[in-house]
């Protein structure tokens, strides 16, 4: 059974986009045959419970500064085959979350570990087919850094993504009640299905 794990870290504001997990889980039920737990799990990054999770989500707007145990768990989780989807709620490459999270990744995995991934990466074809990362409404409305980010970044371990990193603010983009998808011309949570399917099948 798949369960959506949100990582709680001691700094910053980790509890963002509270409707998003149930929306993503609804999409997994709608489009796939994966059995899912219907409520998200919140797990402290410094807890050993992280090692029970096949997929973790981390986000925020503010400063990210892991303590020693959080750094140790993050590194061990990723290097042992875990998958973390990190999403910047500021949709801003120069914002506080972006700068501090990327610094944490450099300290844990090395200066050049976080790299842009090509838009033909298997992530974009793991279930639905995309030509690269879908654009969010937050990028188009002029908030944040006024950029449409045509790439995602990742830390790869042995040829597979261990940390997927987005400045596109997908969490806010998917933060609505799942029943409201019926009013949308295109279901924007389909890319979330790709992320989860890649994490589970890579």
N, C-alpha and C. Protein backbone atom coordinates (compact mmCIF):
# COMPACT_ATOMS: atom_id res chain seq x y z
N UNK A 1 0.84 -1.20 0.00
CA UNK A 1 0.00 0.00 0.00
C UNK A 1 0.88 1.25 0.00
N UNK A 2 0.53 2.20 -0.86
CA UNK A 2 1.28 3.45 -0.93
C UNK A 2 0.74 4.44 0.09
N UNK A 3 1.63 5.13 0.78
CA UNK A 3 1.21 6.22 1.65
C UNK A 3 2.08 7.43 1.38
N UNK A 4 1.46 8.59 1.43
CA UNK A 4 2.10 9.87 1.15
C UNK A 4 2.71 10.38 2.45
N UNK A 5 4.02 10.54 2.47
CA UNK A 5 4.73 10.99 3.66
C UNK A 5 5.21 12.42 3.50
N UNK A 6 4.80 13.27 4.42
CA UNK A 6 5.30 14.65 4.47
C UNK A 6 6.38 14.72 5.54
N UNK A 7 7.52 15.30 5.19
CA UNK A 7 8.61 15.41 6.14
C UNK A 7 8.48 16.67 6.99
N UNK A 8 8.54 16.49 8.29
CA UNK A 8 8.55 17.59 9.24
C UNK A 8 9.98 17.85 9.68
N UNK A 9 10.46 19.06 9.48
CA UNK A 9 11.81 19.43 9.90
C UNK A 9 11.72 20.58 10.89
N UNK A 10 12.71 20.72 11.74
CA UNK A 10 12.57 21.61 12.90
C UNK A 10 12.65 23.08 12.54
N UNK A 11 13.23 23.43 11.41
CA UNK A 11 13.31 24.83 10.99
C UNK A 11 12.22 25.13 9.97
N UNK A 12 12.00 26.41 9.70
CA UNK A 12 11.11 26.79 8.61
C UNK A 12 9.65 26.45 8.84
N UNK A 13 8.89 26.41 7.75
CA UNK A 13 7.46 26.08 7.79
C UNK A 13 7.21 24.89 6.87
N UNK A 14 7.14 23.72 7.43
CA UNK A 14 7.06 22.48 6.65
C UNK A 14 5.63 22.11 6.28
N UNK A 15 4.63 22.66 6.98
CA UNK A 15 3.25 22.20 6.84
C UNK A 15 2.47 23.07 5.85
N UNK A 16 2.84 22.99 4.59
CA UNK A 16 2.23 23.81 3.55
C UNK A 16 1.24 22.99 2.72
N UNK A 17 0.42 23.67 1.94
CA UNK A 17 -0.42 23.02 0.92
C UNK A 17 -1.17 21.81 1.48
N UNK A 18 -2.02 22.04 2.47
CA UNK A 18 -2.58 20.95 3.23
C UNK A 18 -3.59 20.09 2.48
N UNK A 19 -4.19 20.61 1.42
CA UNK A 19 -5.14 19.80 0.63
C UNK A 19 -4.46 19.01 -0.47
N UNK A 20 -3.22 19.35 -0.75
CA UNK A 20 -2.52 18.73 -1.88
C UNK A 20 -2.37 17.22 -1.76
N UNK A 21 -1.94 16.67 -0.61
CA UNK A 21 -1.75 15.21 -0.55
C UNK A 21 -3.01 14.42 -0.90
N UNK A 22 -4.17 14.83 -0.36
CA UNK A 22 -5.40 14.09 -0.65
C UNK A 22 -5.76 14.21 -2.13
N UNK A 23 -5.43 15.32 -2.75
CA UNK A 23 -5.68 15.50 -4.18
C UNK A 23 -4.81 14.55 -5.00
N UNK A 24 -3.53 14.47 -4.65
CA UNK A 24 -2.62 13.55 -5.34
C UNK A 24 -3.05 12.10 -5.13
N UNK A 25 -3.42 11.76 -3.91
CA UNK A 25 -3.86 10.39 -3.62
C UNK A 25 -5.11 10.05 -4.41
N UNK A 26 -6.03 11.00 -4.54
CA UNK A 26 -7.22 10.78 -5.35
C UNK A 26 -6.86 10.49 -6.80
N UNK A 27 -5.85 11.19 -7.33
CA UNK A 27 -5.42 10.95 -8.71
C UNK A 27 -4.82 9.56 -8.88
N UNK A 28 -4.09 9.10 -7.88
CA UNK A 28 -3.54 7.75 -7.95
C UNK A 28 -4.65 6.72 -7.97
N UNK A 29 -5.70 6.97 -7.20
CA UNK A 29 -6.86 6.06 -7.21
C UNK A 29 -7.56 6.11 -8.56
N UNK A 30 -7.69 7.31 -9.10
CA UNK A 30 -8.44 7.50 -10.35
C UNK A 30 -7.72 6.91 -11.56
N UNK A 31 -6.40 7.05 -11.62
CA UNK A 31 -5.67 6.70 -12.83
C UNK A 31 -4.89 5.39 -12.75
N UNK A 32 -4.61 4.92 -11.55
CA UNK A 32 -3.77 3.73 -11.43
C UNK A 32 -4.49 2.66 -10.61
N UNK A 33 -3.85 1.52 -10.50
CA UNK A 33 -4.39 0.42 -9.69
C UNK A 33 -3.68 0.31 -8.35
N UNK A 34 -2.89 1.30 -7.99
CA UNK A 34 -2.16 1.29 -6.73
C UNK A 34 -3.13 1.44 -5.56
N UNK A 35 -2.98 0.59 -4.57
CA UNK A 35 -3.76 0.73 -3.35
C UNK A 35 -3.10 1.80 -2.48
N UNK A 36 -3.88 2.77 -2.03
CA UNK A 36 -3.31 3.90 -1.30
C UNK A 36 -3.97 4.06 0.06
N UNK A 37 -3.20 4.59 0.99
CA UNK A 37 -3.73 5.06 2.26
C UNK A 37 -4.26 6.46 2.02
N UNK A 38 -5.48 6.74 2.44
CA UNK A 38 -6.18 7.95 2.01
C UNK A 38 -5.75 9.22 2.73
N UNK A 39 -5.01 9.11 3.82
CA UNK A 39 -4.54 10.30 4.54
C UNK A 39 -3.02 10.33 4.54
N UNK A 40 -2.49 11.52 4.44
CA UNK A 40 -1.03 11.65 4.48
C UNK A 40 -0.48 11.29 5.85
N UNK A 41 0.76 10.89 5.87
CA UNK A 41 1.47 10.67 7.13
C UNK A 41 2.49 11.79 7.29
N UNK A 42 2.58 12.34 8.47
CA UNK A 42 3.60 13.33 8.78
C UNK A 42 4.67 12.64 9.60
N UNK A 43 5.91 12.69 9.11
CA UNK A 43 7.02 11.99 9.75
C UNK A 43 8.14 12.99 10.03
N UNK A 44 8.65 12.98 11.23
CA UNK A 44 9.79 13.84 11.55
C UNK A 44 11.03 13.34 10.81
N UNK A 45 11.74 14.26 10.23
CA UNK A 45 12.94 13.90 9.48
C UNK A 45 13.99 13.26 10.38
N UNK A 46 14.01 13.61 11.65
CA UNK A 46 14.99 13.03 12.55
C UNK A 46 14.52 11.71 13.19
N UNK A 47 13.38 11.19 12.70
CA UNK A 47 12.84 9.93 13.21
C UNK A 47 13.19 8.78 12.27
N UNK A 48 13.33 7.59 12.82
CA UNK A 48 13.59 6.41 11.99
C UNK A 48 12.38 6.00 11.15
N UNK A 49 11.22 6.62 11.41
CA UNK A 49 10.03 6.31 10.62
C UNK A 49 10.20 6.68 9.15
N UNK A 50 11.13 7.58 8.88
CA UNK A 50 11.35 7.96 7.47
C UNK A 50 11.77 6.76 6.64
N UNK A 51 12.42 5.80 7.24
CA UNK A 51 12.94 4.65 6.49
C UNK A 51 11.85 3.63 6.14
N UNK A 52 10.63 3.89 6.60
CA UNK A 52 9.49 3.05 6.25
C UNK A 52 8.71 3.61 5.06
N UNK A 53 9.14 4.75 4.55
CA UNK A 53 8.37 5.47 3.53
C UNK A 53 9.01 5.34 2.15
N UNK A 54 8.26 4.91 1.14
CA UNK A 54 8.82 4.81 -0.21
C UNK A 54 8.91 6.15 -0.93
N UNK A 55 8.17 7.13 -0.41
CA UNK A 55 8.06 8.44 -1.07
C UNK A 55 7.90 9.49 0.01
N UNK A 56 8.69 10.55 -0.06
CA UNK A 56 8.59 11.64 0.91
C UNK A 56 8.47 12.98 0.19
N UNK A 57 7.74 13.88 0.81
CA UNK A 57 7.54 15.23 0.28
C UNK A 57 8.04 16.23 1.31
N UNK A 58 8.79 17.23 0.83
CA UNK A 58 9.26 18.29 1.70
C UNK A 58 9.08 19.62 1.00
N UNK A 59 8.61 20.62 1.74
CA UNK A 59 8.35 21.92 1.12
C UNK A 59 8.45 23.02 2.18
N UNK A 60 8.20 24.24 1.75
CA UNK A 60 8.21 25.38 2.67
C UNK A 60 8.47 26.68 1.94
N UNK A 61 8.42 27.77 2.71
CA UNK A 61 8.72 29.11 2.21
C UNK A 61 9.99 29.68 2.86
N UNK A 62 10.29 29.19 4.06
CA UNK A 62 11.28 29.84 4.90
C UNK A 62 12.60 29.08 4.94
N UNK A 63 13.42 29.43 5.91
CA UNK A 63 14.75 28.87 6.04
C UNK A 63 14.71 27.37 6.29
N UNK A 64 15.57 26.64 5.60
CA UNK A 64 15.77 25.21 5.84
C UNK A 64 17.16 25.04 6.42
N UNK A 65 17.22 24.56 7.65
CA UNK A 65 18.51 24.30 8.28
C UNK A 65 18.38 23.02 9.09
N UNK A 66 18.80 21.92 8.49
CA UNK A 66 18.67 20.63 9.16
C UNK A 66 19.64 20.52 10.33
N UNK A 67 19.19 19.87 11.39
CA UNK A 67 20.13 19.56 12.46
C UNK A 67 20.92 18.30 12.08
N UNK A 68 21.84 17.90 12.92
CA UNK A 68 22.74 16.80 12.56
C UNK A 68 21.98 15.50 12.28
N UNK A 69 20.98 15.19 13.11
CA UNK A 69 20.24 13.94 12.90
C UNK A 69 19.40 14.01 11.63
N UNK A 70 18.83 15.17 11.35
CA UNK A 70 18.05 15.33 10.12
C UNK A 70 18.94 15.15 8.89
N UNK A 71 20.13 15.72 8.91
CA UNK A 71 21.07 15.54 7.81
C UNK A 71 21.43 14.06 7.64
N UNK A 72 21.72 13.41 8.74
CA UNK A 72 22.11 12.00 8.70
C UNK A 72 20.99 11.14 8.12
N UNK A 73 19.76 11.37 8.58
CA UNK A 73 18.63 10.58 8.10
C UNK A 73 18.34 10.85 6.63
N UNK A 74 18.42 12.13 6.24
CA UNK A 74 18.15 12.49 4.84
C UNK A 74 19.15 11.77 3.93
N UNK A 75 20.42 11.85 4.27
CA UNK A 75 21.45 11.22 3.45
C UNK A 75 21.26 9.70 3.39
N UNK A 76 21.06 9.10 4.53
CA UNK A 76 20.93 7.64 4.57
C UNK A 76 19.69 7.18 3.81
N UNK A 77 18.59 7.91 3.97
CA UNK A 77 17.34 7.56 3.29
C UNK A 77 17.52 7.58 1.77
N UNK A 78 18.10 8.65 1.26
CA UNK A 78 18.28 8.79 -0.20
C UNK A 78 19.28 7.77 -0.72
N UNK A 79 20.39 7.60 -0.05
CA UNK A 79 21.41 6.68 -0.53
C UNK A 79 20.97 5.21 -0.43
N UNK A 80 20.00 4.93 0.43
CA UNK A 80 19.48 3.57 0.55
C UNK A 80 18.31 3.28 -0.38
N UNK A 81 18.00 4.22 -1.27
CA UNK A 81 16.96 3.98 -2.27
C UNK A 81 15.69 4.77 -2.09
N UNK A 82 15.63 5.65 -1.11
CA UNK A 82 14.44 6.46 -0.90
C UNK A 82 14.30 7.57 -1.92
N UNK A 83 13.11 8.14 -1.99
CA UNK A 83 12.80 9.20 -2.96
C UNK A 83 12.19 10.38 -2.21
N UNK A 84 12.76 11.57 -2.42
CA UNK A 84 12.23 12.80 -1.83
C UNK A 84 11.85 13.77 -2.94
N UNK A 85 10.61 14.24 -2.91
CA UNK A 85 10.18 15.31 -3.80
C UNK A 85 10.18 16.60 -3.00
N UNK A 86 11.08 17.53 -3.35
CA UNK A 86 11.22 18.80 -2.66
C UNK A 86 10.66 19.91 -3.55
N UNK A 87 9.75 20.70 -2.99
CA UNK A 87 9.06 21.72 -3.79
C UNK A 87 9.12 23.06 -3.07
N UNK A 88 9.62 24.07 -3.76
CA UNK A 88 9.75 25.42 -3.22
C UNK A 88 8.42 26.15 -3.35
N UNK A 89 7.79 26.46 -2.21
CA UNK A 89 6.51 27.17 -2.24
C UNK A 89 6.64 28.62 -2.67
N UNK A 90 7.86 29.14 -2.71
CA UNK A 90 8.06 30.52 -3.16
C UNK A 90 8.14 30.64 -4.67
N UNK A 91 8.21 29.50 -5.38
CA UNK A 91 8.46 29.48 -6.82
C UNK A 91 9.47 30.56 -7.22
N UNK A 92 10.64 30.50 -6.57
CA UNK A 92 11.60 31.59 -6.70
C UNK A 92 13.01 31.03 -6.48
N UNK A 93 13.86 31.08 -7.50
CA UNK A 93 15.20 30.51 -7.38
C UNK A 93 16.08 31.32 -6.44
N UNK A 94 15.68 32.56 -6.13
CA UNK A 94 16.47 33.40 -5.22
C UNK A 94 15.83 33.54 -3.85
N UNK A 95 14.74 32.81 -3.60
CA UNK A 95 14.04 32.91 -2.33
C UNK A 95 14.76 32.18 -1.21
N UNK A 96 14.28 32.39 0.01
CA UNK A 96 14.94 31.84 1.19
C UNK A 96 14.91 30.32 1.19
N UNK A 97 13.77 29.72 0.86
CA UNK A 97 13.71 28.25 0.84
C UNK A 97 14.68 27.70 -0.19
N UNK A 98 14.67 28.26 -1.40
CA UNK A 98 15.53 27.75 -2.47
C UNK A 98 17.00 27.82 -2.08
N UNK A 99 17.42 28.98 -1.60
CA UNK A 99 18.83 29.14 -1.26
C UNK A 99 19.25 28.22 -0.13
N UNK A 100 18.42 28.13 0.91
CA UNK A 100 18.81 27.34 2.07
C UNK A 100 18.68 25.84 1.81
N UNK A 101 17.64 25.42 1.07
CA UNK A 101 17.51 23.99 0.77
C UNK A 101 18.66 23.52 -0.12
N UNK A 102 18.98 24.30 -1.14
CA UNK A 102 20.08 23.91 -2.02
C UNK A 102 21.40 23.85 -1.25
N UNK A 103 21.58 24.76 -0.31
CA UNK A 103 22.79 24.72 0.52
C UNK A 103 22.84 23.43 1.34
N UNK A 104 21.70 23.02 1.86
CA UNK A 104 21.66 21.77 2.62
C UNK A 104 22.02 20.58 1.74
N UNK A 105 21.54 20.57 0.52
CA UNK A 105 21.85 19.48 -0.40
C UNK A 105 23.35 19.44 -0.73
N UNK A 106 23.95 20.63 -0.88
CA UNK A 106 25.39 20.70 -1.15
C UNK A 106 26.19 20.16 0.03
N UNK A 107 25.76 20.51 1.24
CA UNK A 107 26.48 20.05 2.42
C UNK A 107 26.38 18.53 2.58
N UNK A 108 25.24 17.96 2.21
CA UNK A 108 25.03 16.52 2.39
C UNK A 108 25.61 15.70 1.25
N UNK A 109 25.39 16.15 0.00
CA UNK A 109 25.72 15.32 -1.15
C UNK A 109 26.86 15.86 -2.00
N UNK A 110 27.33 17.05 -1.71
CA UNK A 110 28.41 17.63 -2.49
C UNK A 110 27.95 18.81 -3.33
N UNK A 111 28.89 19.66 -3.70
CA UNK A 111 28.60 20.92 -4.37
C UNK A 111 27.84 20.75 -5.66
N UNK A 112 28.18 19.75 -6.45
CA UNK A 112 27.59 19.62 -7.79
C UNK A 112 26.57 18.49 -7.89
N UNK A 113 26.06 18.03 -6.76
CA UNK A 113 25.15 16.88 -6.78
C UNK A 113 23.79 17.22 -7.38
N UNK A 114 23.31 18.43 -7.12
CA UNK A 114 21.99 18.84 -7.61
C UNK A 114 22.13 19.40 -9.01
N UNK A 115 21.56 18.70 -10.00
CA UNK A 115 21.74 19.08 -11.40
C UNK A 115 20.41 19.13 -12.13
N UNK A 116 20.38 19.95 -13.18
CA UNK A 116 19.20 19.96 -14.05
C UNK A 116 19.04 18.61 -14.72
N UNK A 117 17.81 18.16 -14.84
CA UNK A 117 17.57 16.91 -15.57
C UNK A 117 16.99 17.25 -16.95
N UNK A 118 17.33 16.47 -17.96
CA UNK A 118 16.84 16.76 -19.31
C UNK A 118 15.34 16.52 -19.41
N UNK A 119 14.71 17.21 -20.34
CA UNK A 119 13.26 17.10 -20.48
C UNK A 119 12.81 15.83 -21.18
N UNK A 120 13.75 14.96 -21.53
CA UNK A 120 13.38 13.64 -22.02
C UNK A 120 13.68 12.56 -20.97
N UNK A 121 13.86 12.98 -19.74
CA UNK A 121 14.14 12.04 -18.65
C UNK A 121 12.97 11.06 -18.49
N UNK A 122 13.22 9.83 -18.08
CA UNK A 122 12.14 8.85 -17.87
C UNK A 122 11.03 9.32 -16.93
N UNK A 123 11.34 10.26 -16.03
CA UNK A 123 10.32 10.82 -15.15
C UNK A 123 9.12 11.33 -15.94
N UNK A 124 9.38 11.93 -17.09
CA UNK A 124 8.32 12.56 -17.87
C UNK A 124 7.51 11.56 -18.70
N UNK A 125 7.86 10.29 -18.60
CA UNK A 125 7.14 9.25 -19.34
C UNK A 125 6.82 8.05 -18.46
N UNK A 126 6.87 8.24 -17.15
CA UNK A 126 6.68 7.11 -16.24
C UNK A 126 5.23 6.65 -16.18
N UNK A 127 4.29 7.50 -16.60
CA UNK A 127 2.86 7.11 -16.68
C UNK A 127 2.19 7.90 -17.80
N UNK A 128 2.00 9.20 -17.58
CA UNK A 128 1.56 10.09 -18.65
C UNK A 128 2.80 10.61 -19.38
N UNK A 129 2.59 11.20 -20.55
CA UNK A 129 3.72 11.69 -21.34
C UNK A 129 3.75 13.22 -21.34
N UNK A 130 4.91 13.75 -20.97
CA UNK A 130 5.13 15.19 -20.93
C UNK A 130 6.42 15.51 -21.68
N UNK A 131 6.48 16.72 -22.22
CA UNK A 131 7.68 17.18 -22.93
C UNK A 131 8.66 17.88 -22.01
N UNK A 132 8.43 17.78 -20.73
CA UNK A 132 9.21 18.47 -19.71
C UNK A 132 8.27 18.81 -18.57
N UNK A 133 8.73 19.57 -17.60
CA UNK A 133 7.88 19.87 -16.44
C UNK A 133 6.74 20.82 -16.80
N UNK A 134 5.50 20.46 -16.48
CA UNK A 134 4.38 21.35 -16.77
C UNK A 134 4.53 22.69 -16.05
N UNK A 135 4.13 23.74 -16.73
CA UNK A 135 4.17 25.09 -16.16
C UNK A 135 3.04 25.26 -15.17
N UNK A 136 3.29 25.99 -14.08
CA UNK A 136 2.24 26.26 -13.10
C UNK A 136 1.68 27.66 -13.29
N UNK A 137 0.47 27.85 -12.79
CA UNK A 137 -0.17 29.17 -12.89
C UNK A 137 0.61 30.21 -12.10
N UNK A 138 1.32 29.78 -11.06
CA UNK A 138 2.08 30.72 -10.23
C UNK A 138 3.27 31.29 -10.99
N UNK A 139 3.82 30.51 -11.92
CA UNK A 139 4.91 31.02 -12.75
C UNK A 139 4.39 32.04 -13.75
N UNK A 140 3.16 31.86 -14.21
CA UNK A 140 2.61 32.69 -15.27
C UNK A 140 2.01 34.01 -14.75
N UNK A 141 1.71 34.07 -13.46
CA UNK A 141 1.02 35.26 -12.96
C UNK A 141 1.96 36.34 -12.41
N UNK A 142 3.27 36.11 -12.54
CA UNK A 142 4.22 37.14 -12.15
C UNK A 142 4.66 37.12 -10.71
N UNK A 143 4.19 36.15 -9.92
CA UNK A 143 4.68 36.04 -8.56
C UNK A 143 6.06 35.42 -8.56
N UNK A 144 6.76 35.54 -7.45
CA UNK A 144 8.07 34.90 -7.37
C UNK A 144 9.10 35.63 -8.21
N UNK A 145 9.91 34.87 -8.95
CA UNK A 145 11.02 35.47 -9.69
C UNK A 145 10.67 35.83 -11.13
N UNK A 146 9.37 35.75 -11.48
CA UNK A 146 8.90 36.10 -12.83
C UNK A 146 9.52 35.22 -13.91
N UNK A 147 9.88 34.01 -13.55
CA UNK A 147 10.46 33.08 -14.52
C UNK A 147 9.58 31.86 -14.67
N UNK A 148 9.51 31.34 -15.88
CA UNK A 148 8.93 30.02 -16.10
C UNK A 148 10.10 29.05 -16.16
N UNK A 149 10.20 28.19 -15.17
CA UNK A 149 11.32 27.26 -15.08
C UNK A 149 11.08 26.08 -16.00
N UNK A 150 11.90 25.96 -17.02
CA UNK A 150 11.69 24.91 -18.01
C UNK A 150 12.48 23.65 -17.68
N UNK A 151 12.81 23.47 -16.42
CA UNK A 151 13.58 22.32 -15.99
C UNK A 151 13.28 22.02 -14.53
N UNK A 152 13.58 20.81 -14.11
CA UNK A 152 13.64 20.45 -12.70
C UNK A 152 15.07 20.03 -12.40
N UNK A 153 15.42 20.02 -11.14
CA UNK A 153 16.74 19.55 -10.74
C UNK A 153 16.59 18.25 -9.96
N UNK A 154 17.68 17.52 -9.89
CA UNK A 154 17.64 16.25 -9.16
C UNK A 154 19.03 15.87 -8.67
N UNK A 155 19.04 15.08 -7.63
CA UNK A 155 20.24 14.38 -7.18
C UNK A 155 20.04 12.92 -7.54
N UNK A 156 20.92 12.39 -8.36
CA UNK A 156 20.80 11.01 -8.78
C UNK A 156 21.80 10.14 -8.04
N UNK A 157 21.34 8.99 -7.65
CA UNK A 157 22.15 7.99 -6.97
C UNK A 157 22.10 6.71 -7.81
N UNK A 158 23.24 6.29 -8.32
CA UNK A 158 23.31 5.07 -9.13
C UNK A 158 22.31 5.08 -10.28
N UNK A 159 22.19 6.24 -10.94
CA UNK A 159 21.36 6.33 -12.14
C UNK A 159 19.88 6.53 -11.90
N UNK A 160 19.47 6.73 -10.67
CA UNK A 160 18.06 6.98 -10.40
C UNK A 160 17.95 8.22 -9.53
N UNK A 161 16.82 8.91 -9.66
CA UNK A 161 16.60 10.13 -8.88
C UNK A 161 16.33 9.76 -7.43
N UNK A 162 17.11 10.37 -6.54
CA UNK A 162 16.87 10.23 -5.11
C UNK A 162 16.19 11.46 -4.52
N UNK A 163 16.53 12.64 -5.08
CA UNK A 163 15.90 13.90 -4.67
C UNK A 163 15.47 14.63 -5.93
N UNK A 164 14.17 14.86 -6.07
CA UNK A 164 13.63 15.66 -7.17
C UNK A 164 13.29 17.02 -6.62
N UNK A 165 13.82 18.07 -7.26
CA UNK A 165 13.71 19.43 -6.71
C UNK A 165 13.06 20.36 -7.71
N UNK A 166 12.03 21.08 -7.24
CA UNK A 166 11.25 21.96 -8.10
C UNK A 166 11.18 23.36 -7.52
N UNK A 167 11.38 24.36 -8.38
CA UNK A 167 11.10 25.76 -8.05
C UNK A 167 9.75 26.20 -8.60
N UNK A 168 8.93 25.27 -9.05
CA UNK A 168 7.70 25.60 -9.78
C UNK A 168 6.46 25.70 -8.89
N UNK A 169 6.58 25.32 -7.63
CA UNK A 169 5.48 25.40 -6.68
C UNK A 169 4.30 24.52 -7.08
N UNK A 170 4.61 23.25 -7.34
CA UNK A 170 3.55 22.30 -7.66
C UNK A 170 2.62 22.09 -6.46
N UNK A 171 3.17 22.17 -5.24
CA UNK A 171 2.34 21.96 -4.07
C UNK A 171 1.16 22.91 -4.02
N UNK A 172 1.41 24.20 -4.27
CA UNK A 172 0.32 25.17 -4.31
C UNK A 172 -0.59 24.95 -5.52
N UNK A 173 0.00 24.55 -6.62
CA UNK A 173 -0.78 24.32 -7.84
C UNK A 173 -1.81 23.20 -7.62
N UNK A 174 -1.45 22.23 -6.81
CA UNK A 174 -2.34 21.08 -6.57
C UNK A 174 -3.09 21.20 -5.25
N UNK A 175 -3.05 22.35 -4.62
CA UNK A 175 -3.64 22.54 -3.30
C UNK A 175 -5.10 22.98 -3.43
N UNK A 176 -5.98 22.06 -3.83
CA UNK A 176 -7.41 22.33 -3.91
C UNK A 176 -8.15 21.02 -3.68
N UNK A 177 -9.41 21.11 -3.36
CA UNK A 177 -10.18 19.89 -3.11
C UNK A 177 -10.29 19.09 -4.39
N UNK A 178 -10.08 17.79 -4.29
CA UNK A 178 -10.00 16.97 -5.50
C UNK A 178 -11.29 16.98 -6.30
N UNK A 179 -12.43 17.24 -5.68
CA UNK A 179 -13.69 17.27 -6.43
C UNK A 179 -13.76 18.43 -7.41
N UNK A 180 -12.94 19.45 -7.19
CA UNK A 180 -12.94 20.61 -8.08
C UNK A 180 -12.24 20.34 -9.41
N UNK A 181 -11.59 19.18 -9.53
CA UNK A 181 -10.93 18.86 -10.80
C UNK A 181 -11.92 18.76 -11.96
N UNK A 182 -13.17 18.47 -11.63
CA UNK A 182 -14.16 18.32 -12.70
C UNK A 182 -14.40 19.64 -13.44
N UNK A 183 -14.01 20.76 -12.84
CA UNK A 183 -14.19 22.06 -13.49
C UNK A 183 -12.98 22.45 -14.34
N UNK A 184 -11.95 21.63 -14.36
CA UNK A 184 -10.73 21.98 -15.06
C UNK A 184 -10.70 21.34 -16.44
N UNK A 185 -10.19 22.08 -17.42
CA UNK A 185 -10.08 21.54 -18.77
C UNK A 185 -9.06 20.40 -18.81
N UNK A 186 -7.98 20.56 -18.06
CA UNK A 186 -6.94 19.55 -17.98
C UNK A 186 -6.61 19.32 -16.51
N UNK A 187 -6.55 18.08 -16.10
CA UNK A 187 -6.22 17.75 -14.72
C UNK A 187 -4.72 17.99 -14.49
N UNK A 188 -4.40 19.01 -13.71
CA UNK A 188 -2.99 19.36 -13.53
C UNK A 188 -2.26 18.45 -12.54
N UNK A 189 -2.98 17.51 -11.92
CA UNK A 189 -2.31 16.59 -11.01
C UNK A 189 -1.73 15.37 -11.72
N UNK A 190 -1.90 15.27 -13.02
CA UNK A 190 -1.36 14.11 -13.73
C UNK A 190 0.15 14.01 -13.59
N UNK A 191 0.82 15.14 -13.51
CA UNK A 191 2.27 15.09 -13.34
C UNK A 191 2.64 14.54 -11.97
N UNK A 192 1.80 14.78 -10.97
CA UNK A 192 2.03 14.19 -9.65
C UNK A 192 2.01 12.67 -9.73
N UNK A 193 1.13 12.14 -10.57
CA UNK A 193 1.08 10.68 -10.77
C UNK A 193 2.40 10.19 -11.35
N UNK A 194 2.95 10.93 -12.30
CA UNK A 194 4.26 10.56 -12.86
C UNK A 194 5.35 10.52 -11.79
N UNK A 195 5.35 11.52 -10.93
CA UNK A 195 6.39 11.58 -9.89
C UNK A 195 6.29 10.36 -8.98
N UNK A 196 5.08 10.05 -8.54
CA UNK A 196 4.91 8.91 -7.64
C UNK A 196 5.24 7.60 -8.35
N UNK A 197 4.78 7.44 -9.57
CA UNK A 197 5.04 6.20 -10.30
C UNK A 197 6.53 6.01 -10.55
N UNK A 198 7.21 7.11 -10.86
CA UNK A 198 8.68 7.00 -11.02
C UNK A 198 9.31 6.56 -9.71
N UNK A 199 8.90 7.15 -8.61
CA UNK A 199 9.47 6.82 -7.31
C UNK A 199 9.27 5.36 -6.96
N UNK A 200 8.13 4.81 -7.35
CA UNK A 200 7.80 3.43 -6.98
C UNK A 200 8.37 2.38 -7.92
N UNK A 201 8.68 2.78 -9.15
CA UNK A 201 9.04 1.76 -10.15
C UNK A 201 10.45 1.90 -10.69
N UNK A 202 11.19 2.92 -10.32
CA UNK A 202 12.51 3.14 -10.89
C UNK A 202 13.47 2.00 -10.53
